Amino acid sequence: MEPESIFVSPAPGSRMPFQAAEIWGWAWSSSPIKRVEVSLDGGRTWQAAQTESRRQHSWQKFSADWSPAQPGEYELRCRATDPNGRKQPATGARNSIYSVKLVVEP
């Protein structure tokens, strides 16, 4: 199975207060996930998330701290990579990069 990741929090379409928050989700593949990256700006830049080790064939939790720069609309994305370098594709596949749009309120 190709690498895949999804956000659990925040949920799509959610409204969050203007404060620091932990964003997190799950990643999985046939092989253990080597790395999960998150984008806080719609895919322009990426940063490494903390990724828990795999136990047997379980999903792996990932998380990152986020402090929005200002209130407004945001698009968060996540992508997973396996030990062979296989990465979630940008578009056009069942396991395409997962995206969440949300609003940070003042």
PDB file of N, CA and C in Angstrom:
ATOM      1  N   MET A   1       0.843  -1.173   0.000  1.00  0.00           N
ATOM      2  CA  MET A   1       0.000   0.000   0.000  1.00  0.00           C
ATOM      3  C   MET A   1       0.888   1.235   0.000  1.00  0.00           C
ATOM      4  N   GLU A   2       0.527   2.176  -0.843  1.00  0.00           N
ATOM      5  CA  GLU A   2       1.280   3.431  -0.949  1.00  0.00           C
ATOM      6  C   GLU A   2       1.102   4.273   0.324  1.00  0.00           C
ATOM      7  N   PRO A   3       2.076   5.144   0.645  1.00  0.00           N
ATOM      8  CA  PRO A   3       1.957   5.979   1.839  1.00  0.00           C
ATOM      9  C   PRO A   3       0.751   6.915   1.768  1.00  0.00           C
ATOM     10  N   GLU A   4       0.140   7.124   2.933  1.00  0.00           N
ATOM     11  CA  GLU A   4      -0.999   8.021   3.019  1.00  0.00           C
ATOM     12  C   GLU A   4      -1.023   8.650   4.407  1.00  0.00           C
ATOM     13  N   SER A   5      -1.541   9.861   4.490  1.00  0.00           N
ATOM     14  CA  SER A   5      -1.702  10.539   5.770  1.00  0.00           C
ATOM     15  C   SER A   5      -2.937  11.418   5.710  1.00  0.00           C
ATOM     16  N   ILE A   6      -3.556  11.619   6.866  1.00  0.00           N
ATOM     17  CA  ILE A   6      -4.728  12.493   6.971  1.00  0.00           C
ATOM     18  C   ILE A   6      -4.666  13.244   8.296  1.00  0.00           C
ATOM     19  N   PHE A   7      -5.223  14.439   8.309  1.00  0.00           N
ATOM     20  CA  PHE A   7      -5.384  15.177   9.558  1.00  0.00           C
ATOM     21  C   PHE A   7      -6.632  14.679  10.267  1.00  0.00           C
ATOM     22  N   VAL A   8      -6.545  14.576  11.571  1.00  0.00           N
ATOM     23  CA  VAL A   8      -7.717  14.330  12.406  1.00  0.00           C
ATOM     24  C   VAL A   8      -8.140  15.647  13.050  1.00  0.00           C
ATOM     25  N   SER A   9      -7.152  16.419  13.470  1.00  0.00           N
ATOM     26  CA  SER A   9      -7.421  17.717  14.080  1.00  0.00           C
ATOM     27  C   SER A   9      -6.417  18.730  13.559  1.00  0.00           C
ATOM     28  N   PRO A  10      -6.897  19.775  12.927  1.00  0.00           N
ATOM     29  CA  PRO A  10      -8.273  20.235  12.852  1.00  0.00           C
ATOM     30  C   PRO A  10      -9.061  19.489  11.775  1.00  0.00           C
ATOM     31  N   ALA A  11     -10.371  19.485  11.941  1.00  0.00           N
ATOM     32  CA  ALA A  11     -11.265  18.868  10.963  1.00  0.00           C
ATOM     33  C   ALA A  11     -11.504  19.851   9.813  1.00  0.00           C
ATOM     34  N   PRO A  12     -11.820  19.336   8.623  1.00  0.00           N
ATOM     35  CA  PRO A  12     -12.132  20.222   7.503  1.00  0.00           C
ATOM     36  C   PRO A  12     -13.269  21.184   7.857  1.00  0.00           C
ATOM     37  N   GLY A  13     -13.104  22.442   7.483  1.00  0.00           N
ATOM     38  CA  GLY A  13     -14.134  23.452   7.697  1.00  0.00           C
ATOM     39  C   GLY A  13     -14.255  23.950   9.123  1.00  0.00           C
ATOM     40  N   SER A  14     -13.327  23.562   9.985  1.00  0.00           N
ATOM     41  CA  SER A  14     -13.442  23.975  11.384  1.00  0.00           C
ATOM     42  C   SER A  14     -13.085  25.436  11.567  1.00  0.00           C
ATOM     43  N   ARG A  15     -13.481  25.956  12.703  1.00  0.00           N
ATOM     44  CA  ARG A  15     -13.175  27.320  13.118  1.00  0.00           C
ATOM     45  C   ARG A  15     -12.389  27.199  14.409  1.00  0.00           C
ATOM     46  N   MET A  16     -11.216  27.839  14.432  1.00  0.00           N
ATOM     47  CA  MET A  16     -10.332  27.742  15.588  1.00  0.00           C
ATOM     48  C   MET A  16     -10.075  29.126  16.160  1.00  0.00           C
ATOM     49  N   PRO A  17      -9.867  29.208  17.474  1.00  0.00           N
ATOM     50  CA  PRO A  17      -9.478  30.494  18.052  1.00  0.00           C
ATOM     51  C   PRO A  17      -8.050  30.851  17.656  1.00  0.00           C
ATOM     52  N   PHE A  18      -7.752  32.119  17.667  1.00  0.00           N
ATOM     53  CA  PHE A  18      -6.425  32.619  17.314  1.00  0.00           C
ATOM     54  C   PHE A  18      -5.473  32.365  18.480  1.00  0.00           C
ATOM     55  N   GLN A  19      -4.916  31.168  18.504  1.00  0.00           N
ATOM     56  CA  GLN A  19      -3.974  30.766  19.547  1.00  0.00           C
ATOM     57  C   GLN A  19      -3.182  29.560  19.064  1.00  0.00           C
ATOM     58  N   ALA A  20      -2.130  29.247  19.762  1.00  0.00           N
ATOM     59  CA  ALA A  20      -1.317  28.078  19.414  1.00  0.00           C
ATOM     60  C   ALA A  20      -2.155  26.814  19.554  1.00  0.00           C
ATOM     61  N   ALA A  21      -1.884  25.843  18.693  1.00  0.00           N
ATOM     62  CA  ALA A  21      -2.629  24.584  18.710  1.00  0.00           C
ATOM     63  C   ALA A  21      -1.731  23.450  18.234  1.00  0.00           C
ATOM     64  N   GLU A  22      -2.080  22.255  18.643  1.00  0.00           N
ATOM     65  CA  GLU A  22      -1.413  21.063  18.107  1.00  0.00           C
ATOM     66  C   GLU A  22      -2.271  20.560  16.962  1.00  0.00           C
ATOM     67  N   ILE A  23      -1.649  20.332  15.805  1.00  0.00           N
ATOM     68  CA  ILE A  23      -2.338  19.692  14.692  1.00  0.00           C
ATOM     69  C   ILE A  23      -1.817  18.264  14.629  1.00  0.00           C
ATOM     70  N   TRP A  24      -2.708  17.300  14.331  1.00  0.00           N
ATOM     71  CA  TRP A  24      -2.262  15.911  14.338  1.00  0.00           C
ATOM     72  C   TRP A  24      -3.126  15.049  13.420  1.00  0.00           C
ATOM     73  N   GLY A  25      -2.600  13.883  13.136  1.00  0.00           N
ATOM     74  CA  GLY A  25      -3.316  12.950  12.278  1.00  0.00           C
ATOM     75  C   GLY A  25      -2.663  11.594  12.286  1.00  0.00           C
ATOM     76  N   TRP A  26      -3.032  10.774  11.289  1.00  0.00           N
ATOM     77  CA  TRP A  26      -2.530   9.407  11.160  1.00  0.00           C
ATOM     78  C   TRP A  26      -1.865   9.224   9.796  1.00  0.00           C
ATOM     79  N   ALA A  27      -0.848   8.379   9.775  1.00  0.00           N
ATOM     80  CA  ALA A  27      -0.171   8.012   8.520  1.00  0.00           C
ATOM     81  C   ALA A  27      -0.008   6.493   8.496  1.00  0.00           C
ATOM     82  N   TRP A  28      -0.027   5.921   7.299  1.00  0.00           N
ATOM     83  CA  TRP A  28       0.134   4.472   7.165  1.00  0.00           C
ATOM     84  C   TRP A  28       0.631   4.120   5.777  1.00  0.00           C
ATOM     85  N   SER A  29       1.118   2.887   5.662  1.00  0.00           N
ATOM     86  CA  SER A  29       1.632   2.337   4.405  1.00  0.00           C
ATOM     87  C   SER A  29       1.894   0.859   4.647  1.00  0.00           C
ATOM     88  N   SER A  30       2.276   0.127   3.594  1.00  0.00           N
ATOM     89  CA  SER A  30       2.681  -1.261   3.801  1.00  0.00           C
ATOM     90  C   SER A  30       3.965  -1.328   4.610  1.00  0.00           C
ATOM     91  N   SER A  31       4.804  -0.325   4.454  1.00  0.00           N
ATOM     92  CA  SER A  31       6.052  -0.218   5.212  1.00  0.00           C
ATOM     93  C   SER A  31       5.856   0.844   6.290  1.00  0.00           C
ATOM     94  N   PRO A  32       6.690   0.831   7.313  1.00  0.00           N
ATOM     95  CA  PRO A  32       6.590   1.915   8.304  1.00  0.00           C
ATOM     96  C   PRO A  32       6.808   3.273   7.627  1.00  0.00           C
ATOM     97  N   ILE A  33       6.089   4.273   8.104  1.00  0.00           N
ATOM     98  CA  ILE A  33       6.260   5.634   7.579  1.00  0.00           C
ATOM     99  C   ILE A  33       7.578   6.186   8.118  1.00  0.00           C
ATOM    100  N   LYS A  34       8.394   6.695   7.221  1.00  0.00           N
ATOM    101  CA  LYS A  34       9.683   7.259   7.608  1.00  0.00           C
ATOM    102  C   LYS A  34       9.543   8.708   8.060  1.00  0.00           C
ATOM    103  N   ARG A  35       8.653   9.467   7.374  1.00  0.00           N
ATOM    104  CA  ARG A  35       8.551  10.898   7.640  1.00  0.00           C
ATOM    105  C   ARG A  35       7.160  11.397   7.239  1.00  0.00           C
ATOM    106  N   VAL A  36       6.636  12.334   8.019  1.00  0.00           N
ATOM    107  CA  VAL A  36       5.432  13.072   7.643  1.00  0.00           C
ATOM    108  C   VAL A  36       5.802  14.541   7.681  1.00  0.00           C
ATOM    109  N   GLU A  37       5.388  15.251   6.651  1.00  0.00           N
ATOM    110  CA  GLU A  37       5.607  16.693   6.577  1.00  0.00           C
ATOM    111  C   GLU A  37       4.255  17.386   6.545  1.00  0.00           C
ATOM    112  N   VAL A  38       4.210  18.582   7.112  1.00  0.00           N
ATOM    113  CA  VAL A  38       2.985  19.375   7.086  1.00  0.00           C
ATOM    114  C   VAL A  38       3.289  20.732   6.445  1.00  0.00           C
ATOM    115  N   SER A  39       2.278  21.243   5.765  1.00  0.00           N
ATOM    116  CA  SER A  39       2.353  22.587   5.197  1.00  0.00           C
ATOM    117  C   SER A  39       1.259  23.405   5.843  1.00  0.00           C
ATOM    118  N   LEU A  40       1.607  24.585   6.289  1.00  0.00           N
ATOM    119  CA  LEU A  40       0.658  25.469   6.954  1.00  0.00           C
ATOM    120  C   LEU A  40       0.222  26.609   6.029  1.00  0.00           C
ATOM    121  N   ASP A  41       0.717  26.569   4.780  1.00  0.00           N
ATOM    122  CA  ASP A  41       0.441  27.652   3.825  1.00  0.00           C
ATOM    123  C   ASP A  41       0.004  27.123   2.463  1.00  0.00           C
ATOM    124  N   GLY A  42      -0.788  26.059   2.471  1.00  0.00           N
ATOM    125  CA  GLY A  42      -1.336  25.550   1.215  1.00  0.00           C
ATOM    126  C   GLY A  42      -0.342  24.835   0.320  1.00  0.00           C
ATOM    127  N   GLY A  43       0.785  24.405   0.864  1.00  0.00           N
ATOM    128  CA  GLY A  43       1.757  23.642   0.087  1.00  0.00           C
ATOM    129  C   GLY A  43       2.951  24.434  -0.414  1.00  0.00           C
ATOM    130  N   ARG A  44       3.046  25.714  -0.070  1.00  0.00           N
ATOM    131  CA  ARG A  44       4.206  26.498  -0.518  1.00  0.00           C
ATOM    132  C   ARG A  44       5.471  26.072   0.223  1.00  0.00           C
ATOM    133  N   THR A  45       5.349  25.829   1.518  1.00  0.00           N
ATOM    134  CA  THR A  45       6.498  25.376   2.304  1.00  0.00           C
ATOM    135  C   THR A  45       6.073  24.170   3.141  1.00  0.00           C
ATOM    136  N   TRP A  46       7.064  23.352   3.508  1.00  0.00           N
ATOM    137  CA  TRP A  46       6.805  22.122   4.272  1.00  0.00           C
ATOM    138  C   TRP A  46       7.759  22.053   5.448  1.00  0.00           C
ATOM    139  N   GLN A  47       7.287  21.443   6.540  1.00  0.00           N
ATOM    140  CA  GLN A  47       8.141  21.216   7.707  1.00  0.00           C
ATOM    141  C   GLN A  47       7.868  19.816   8.242  1.00  0.00           C
ATOM    142  N   ALA A  48       8.871  19.242   8.874  1.00  0.00           N
ATOM    143  CA  ALA A  48       8.733  17.894   9.421  1.00  0.00           C
ATOM    144  C   ALA A  48       7.803  17.899  10.626  1.00  0.00           C
ATOM    145  N   ALA A  49       6.941  16.908  10.689  1.00  0.00           N
ATOM    146  CA  ALA A  49       6.094  16.689  11.854  1.00  0.00           C
ATOM    147  C   ALA A  49       6.764  15.631  12.725  1.00  0.00           C
ATOM    148  N   GLN A  50       6.390  15.590  13.968  1.00  0.00           N
ATOM    149  CA  GLN A  50       6.860  14.512  14.844  1.00  0.00           C
ATOM    150  C   GLN A  50       6.034  13.280  14.492  1.00  0.00           C
ATOM    151  N   THR A  51       6.705  12.170  14.251  1.00  0.00           N
ATOM    152  CA  THR A  51       6.016  10.950  13.845  1.00  0.00           C
ATOM    153  C   THR A  51       6.352   9.830  14.812  1.00  0.00           C
ATOM    154  N   GLU A  52       5.319   9.230  15.386  1.00  0.00           N
ATOM    155  CA  GLU A  52       5.537   8.127  16.315  1.00  0.00           C
ATOM    156  C   GLU A  52       6.007   6.892  15.565  1.00  0.00           C
ATOM    157  N   SER A  53       6.735   6.037  16.249  1.00  0.00           N
ATOM    158  CA  SER A  53       7.204   4.782  15.663  1.00  0.00           C
ATOM    159  C   SER A  53       6.021   3.848  15.420  1.00  0.00           C
ATOM    160  N   ARG A  54       6.195   2.995  14.460  1.00  0.00           N
ATOM    161  CA  ARG A  54       5.150   2.026  14.128  1.00  0.00           C
ATOM    162  C   ARG A  54       5.225   0.838  15.073  1.00  0.00           C
ATOM    163  N   ARG A  55       4.065   0.373  15.489  1.00  0.00           N
ATOM    164  CA  ARG A  55       3.959  -0.830  16.306  1.00  0.00           C
ATOM    165  C   ARG A  55       3.212  -1.861  15.489  1.00  0.00           C
ATOM    166  N   GLN A  56       3.891  -2.949  15.163  1.00  0.00           N
ATOM    167  CA  GLN A  56       3.345  -3.988  14.296  1.00  0.00           C
ATOM    168  C   GLN A  56       2.859  -3.341  13.004  1.00  0.00           C
ATOM    169  N   HIS A  57       1.565  -3.438  12.690  1.00  0.00           N
ATOM    170  CA  HIS A  57       1.058  -2.854  11.440  1.00  0.00           C
ATOM    171  C   HIS A  57       0.097  -1.707  11.712  1.00  0.00           C
ATOM    172  N   SER A  58       0.278  -1.023  12.842  1.00  0.00           N
ATOM    173  CA  SER A  58      -0.641   0.050  13.221  1.00  0.00           C
ATOM    174  C   SER A  58      -0.371   1.340  12.447  1.00  0.00           C
ATOM    175  N   TRP A  59      -1.365   2.211  12.449  1.00  0.00           N
ATOM    176  CA  TRP A  59      -1.192   3.544  11.910  1.00  0.00           C
ATOM    177  C   TRP A  59      -0.231   4.290  12.815  1.00  0.00           C
ATOM    178  N   GLN A  60       0.456   5.267  12.260  1.00  0.00           N
ATOM    179  CA  GLN A  60       1.423   6.056  13.015  1.00  0.00           C
ATOM    180  C   GLN A  60       0.885   7.468  13.198  1.00  0.00           C
ATOM    181  N   LYS A  61       0.870   7.911  14.436  1.00  0.00           N
ATOM    182  CA  LYS A  61       0.399   9.265  14.722  1.00  0.00           C
ATOM    183  C   LYS A  61       1.496  10.271  14.388  1.00  0.00           C
ATOM    184  N   PHE A  62       1.084  11.403  13.828  1.00  0.00           N
ATOM    185  CA  PHE A  62       2.018  12.511  13.612  1.00  0.00           C
ATOM    186  C   PHE A  62       1.406  13.765  14.211  1.00  0.00           C
ATOM    187  N   SER A  63       2.258  14.714  14.577  1.00  0.00           N
ATOM    188  CA  SER A  63       1.771  15.955  15.167  1.00  0.00           C
ATOM    189  C   SER A  63       2.767  17.076  14.930  1.00  0.00           C
ATOM    190  N   ALA A  64       2.262  18.286  15.032  1.00  0.00           N
ATOM    191  CA  ALA A  64       3.104  19.482  14.919  1.00  0.00           C
ATOM    192  C   ALA A  64       2.425  20.608  15.690  1.00  0.00           C
ATOM    193  N   ASP A  65       3.224  21.461  16.285  1.00  0.00           N
ATOM    194  CA  ASP A  65       2.698  22.651  16.947  1.00  0.00           C
ATOM    195  C   ASP A  65       2.501  23.733  15.898  1.00  0.00           C
ATOM    196  N   TRP A  66       1.417  24.484  16.039  1.00  0.00           N
ATOM    197  CA  TRP A  66       1.108  25.538  15.069  1.00  0.00           C
ATOM    198  C   TRP A  66       0.639  26.783  15.801  1.00  0.00           C
ATOM    199  N   SER A  67       1.257  27.892  15.476  1.00  0.00           N
ATOM    200  CA  SER A  67       0.832  29.204  15.976  1.00  0.00           C
ATOM    201  C   SER A  67       0.503  30.065  14.764  1.00  0.00           C
ATOM    202  N   PRO A  68      -0.784  30.199  14.424  1.00  0.00           N
ATOM    203  CA  PRO A  68      -1.144  30.995  13.249  1.00  0.00           C
ATOM    204  C   PRO A  68      -0.593  32.424  13.359  1.00  0.00           C
ATOM    205  N   ALA A  69      -0.142  32.953  12.247  1.00  0.00           N
ATOM    206  CA  ALA A  69       0.428  34.301  12.229  1.00  0.00           C
ATOM    207  C   ALA A  69      -0.629  35.374  12.477  1.00  0.00           C
ATOM    208  N   GLN A  70      -1.850  35.109  12.034  1.00  0.00           N
ATOM    209  CA  GLN A  70      -2.939  36.075  12.170  1.00  0.00           C
ATOM    210  C   GLN A  70      -4.259  35.349  11.929  1.00  0.00           C
ATOM    211  N   PRO A  71      -5.372  35.939  12.323  1.00  0.00           N
ATOM    212  CA  PRO A  71      -6.672  35.342  11.990  1.00  0.00           C
ATOM    213  C   PRO A  71      -6.853  35.307  10.472  1.00  0.00           C
ATOM    214  N   GLY A  72      -7.694  34.400   9.994  1.00  0.00           N
ATOM    215  CA  GLY A  72      -7.973  34.315   8.568  1.00  0.00           C
ATOM    216  C   GLY A  72      -8.187  32.881   8.125  1.00  0.00           C
ATOM    217  N   GLU A  73      -8.200  32.688   6.805  1.00  0.00           N
ATOM    218  CA  GLU A  73      -8.400  31.371   6.211  1.00  0.00           C
ATOM    219  C   GLU A  73      -7.045  30.713   5.986  1.00  0.00           C
ATOM    220  N   TYR A  74      -6.980  29.415   6.272  1.00  0.00           N
ATOM    221  CA  TYR A  74      -5.750  28.644   6.105  1.00  0.00           C
ATOM    222  C   TYR A  74      -6.054  27.330   5.400  1.00  0.00           C
ATOM    223  N   GLU A  75      -5.051  26.822   4.696  1.00  0.00           N
ATOM    224  CA  GLU A  75      -5.120  25.485   4.112  1.00  0.00           C
ATOM    225  C   GLU A  75      -3.906  24.715   4.606  1.00  0.00           C
ATOM    226  N   LEU A  76      -4.161  23.680   5.400  1.00  0.00           N
ATOM    227  CA  LEU A  76      -3.100  22.823   5.923  1.00  0.00           C
ATOM    228  C   LEU A  76      -3.025  21.571   5.066  1.00  0.00           C
ATOM    229  N   ARG A  77      -1.826  21.071   4.858  1.00  0.00           N
ATOM    230  CA  ARG A  77      -1.632  19.840   4.075  1.00  0.00           C
ATOM    231  C   ARG A  77      -0.665  18.926   4.808  1.00  0.00           C
ATOM    232  N   CYS A  78      -0.804  17.632   4.550  1.00  0.00           N
ATOM    233  CA  CYS A  78       0.144  16.665   5.109  1.00  0.00           C
ATOM    234  C   CYS A  78       0.506  15.649   4.031  1.00  0.00           C
ATOM    235  N   ARG A  79       1.734  15.147   4.128  1.00  0.00           N
ATOM    236  CA  ARG A  79       2.191  14.117   3.184  1.00  0.00           C
ATOM    237  C   ARG A  79       3.160  13.188   3.905  1.00  0.00           C
ATOM    238  N   ALA A  80       3.047  11.918   3.585  1.00  0.00           N
ATOM    239  CA  ALA A  80       3.873  10.885   4.211  1.00  0.00           C
ATOM    240  C   ALA A  80       4.864  10.316   3.199  1.00  0.00           C
ATOM    241  N   THR A  81       5.993   9.847   3.726  1.00  0.00           N
ATOM    242  CA  THR A  81       7.041   9.220   2.913  1.00  0.00           C
ATOM    243  C   THR A  81       7.434   7.913   3.579  1.00  0.00           C
ATOM    244  N   ASP A  82       7.606   6.860   2.769  1.00  0.00           N
ATOM    245  CA  ASP A  82       8.020   5.571   3.329  1.00  0.00           C
ATOM    246  C   ASP A  82       9.543   5.415   3.221  1.00  0.00           C
ATOM    247  N   PRO A  83      10.116   4.338   3.757  1.00  0.00           N
ATOM    248  CA  PRO A  83      11.582   4.159   3.734  1.00  0.00           C
ATOM    249  C   PRO A  83      12.184   4.045   2.328  1.00  0.00           C
ATOM    250  N   ASN A  84      11.348   3.713   1.327  1.00  0.00           N
ATOM    251  CA  ASN A  84      11.835   3.596  -0.053  1.00  0.00           C
ATOM    252  C   ASN A  84      11.760   4.913  -0.814  1.00  0.00           C
ATOM    253  N   GLY A  85      11.350   5.985  -0.122  1.00  0.00           N
ATOM    254  CA  GLY A  85      11.260   7.294  -0.764  1.00  0.00           C
ATOM    255  C   GLY A  85       9.943   7.553  -1.463  1.00  0.00           C
ATOM    256  N   ARG A  86       8.999   6.592  -1.385  1.00  0.00           N
ATOM    257  CA  ARG A  86       7.681   6.814  -1.991  1.00  0.00           C
ATOM    258  C   ARG A  86       6.931   7.834  -1.153  1.00  0.00           C
ATOM    259  N   LYS A  87       6.388   8.851  -1.832  1.00  0.00           N
ATOM    260  CA  LYS A  87       5.737   9.978  -1.177  1.00  0.00           C
ATOM    261  C   LYS A  87       4.326  10.128  -1.732  1.00  0.00           C
ATOM    262  N   GLN A  88       3.428  10.651  -0.930  1.00  0.00           N
ATOM    263  CA  GLN A  88       2.080  10.912  -1.435  1.00  0.00           C
ATOM    264  C   GLN A  88       2.152  11.867  -2.619  1.00  0.00           C
ATOM    265  N   PRO A  89       1.458  11.555  -3.719  1.00  0.00           N
ATOM    266  CA  PRO A  89       1.468  12.455  -4.873  1.00  0.00           C
ATOM    267  C   PRO A  89       0.630  13.703  -4.607  1.00  0.00           C
ATOM    268  N   ALA A  90       0.937  14.774  -5.323  1.00  0.00           N
ATOM    269  CA  ALA A  90       0.219  16.041  -5.146  1.00  0.00           C
ATOM    270  C   ALA A  90      -1.253  15.911  -5.534  1.00  0.00           C
ATOM    271  N   THR A  91      -1.536  15.247  -6.643  1.00  0.00           N
ATOM    272  CA  THR A  91      -2.923  15.106  -7.117  1.00  0.00           C
ATOM    273  C   THR A  91      -3.075  13.823  -7.914  1.00  0.00           C
ATOM    274  N   GLY A  92      -4.318  13.500  -8.236  1.00  0.00           N
ATOM    275  CA  GLY A  92      -4.604  12.454  -9.203  1.00  0.00           C
ATOM    276  C   GLY A  92      -4.523  11.016  -8.717  1.00  0.00           C
ATOM    277  N   ALA A  93      -4.479  10.792  -7.418  1.00  0.00           N
ATOM    278  CA  ALA A  93      -4.400   9.421  -6.914  1.00  0.00           C
ATOM    279  C   ALA A  93      -5.260   9.281  -5.661  1.00  0.00           C
ATOM    280  N   ARG A  94      -5.612   8.055  -5.354  1.00  0.00           N
ATOM    281  CA  ARG A  94      -6.390   7.778  -4.159  1.00  0.00           C
ATOM    282  C   ARG A  94      -5.700   8.314  -2.914  1.00  0.00           C
ATOM    283  N   ASN A  95      -4.392   8.256  -2.892  1.00  0.00           N
ATOM    284  CA  ASN A  95      -3.624   8.680  -1.718  1.00  0.00           C
ATOM    285  C   ASN A  95      -2.988  10.064  -1.903  1.00  0.00           C
ATOM    286  N   SER A  96      -3.616  10.923  -2.696  1.00  0.00           N
ATOM    287  CA  SER A  96      -3.081  12.280  -2.898  1.00  0.00           C
ATOM    288  C   SER A  96      -2.933  13.011  -1.567  1.00  0.00           C
ATOM    289  N   ILE A  97      -2.075  14.023  -1.567  1.00  0.00           N
ATOM    290  CA  ILE A  97      -1.836  14.842  -0.383  1.00  0.00           C
ATOM    291  C   ILE A  97      -3.168  15.298   0.199  1.00  0.00           C
ATOM    292  N   TYR A  98      -3.299  15.143   1.510  1.00  0.00           N
ATOM    293  CA  TYR A  98      -4.530  15.502   2.221  1.00  0.00           C
ATOM    294  C   TYR A  98      -4.505  16.984   2.580  1.00  0.00           C
ATOM    295  N   SER A  99      -5.638  17.641   2.401  1.00  0.00           N
ATOM    296  CA  SER A  99      -5.726  19.079   2.627  1.00  0.00           C
ATOM    297  C   SER A  99      -6.938  19.396   3.492  1.00  0.00           C
ATOM    298  N   VAL A 100      -6.768  20.347   4.414  1.00  0.00           N
ATOM    299  CA  VAL A 100      -7.842  20.809   5.291  1.00  0.00           C
ATOM    300  C   VAL A 100      -7.897  22.328   5.218  1.00  0.00           C
ATOM    301  N   LYS A 101      -9.066  22.861   4.886  1.00  0.00           N
ATOM    302  CA  LYS A 101      -9.275  24.310   4.917  1.00  0.00           C
ATOM    303  C   LYS A 101     -10.009  24.644   6.199  1.00  0.00           C
ATOM    304  N   LEU A 102      -9.570  25.734   6.857  1.00  0.00           N
ATOM    305  CA  LEU A 102     -10.181  26.137   8.117  1.00  0.00           C
ATOM    306  C   LEU A 102     -10.076  27.633   8.285  1.00  0.00           C
ATOM    307  N   VAL A 103     -10.749  28.140   9.307  1.00  0.00           N
ATOM    308  CA  VAL A 103     -10.735  29.567   9.614  1.00  0.00           C
ATOM    309  C   VAL A 103     -10.211  29.741  11.023  1.00  0.00           C
ATOM    310  N   VAL A 104      -9.263  30.657  11.179  1.00  0.00           N
ATOM    311  CA  VAL A 104      -8.772  31.062  12.493  1.00  0.00           C
ATOM    312  C   VAL A 104      -9.462  32.376  12.816  1.00  0.00           C
ATOM    313  N   GLU A 105     -10.218  32.359  13.911  1.00  0.00           N
ATOM    314  CA  GLU A 105     -11.016  33.528  14.288  1.00  0.00           C
ATOM    315  C   GLU A 105     -10.250  34.429  15.258  1.00  0.00           C
ATOM    316  N   PRO A 106     -10.500  35.736  15.185  1.00  0.00           N
ATOM    317  CA  PRO A 106      -9.823  36.661  16.121  1.00  0.00           C
ATOM    318  C   PRO A 106     -10.244  36.422  17.563  1.00  0.00           C
TER     319      PRO A 106
END
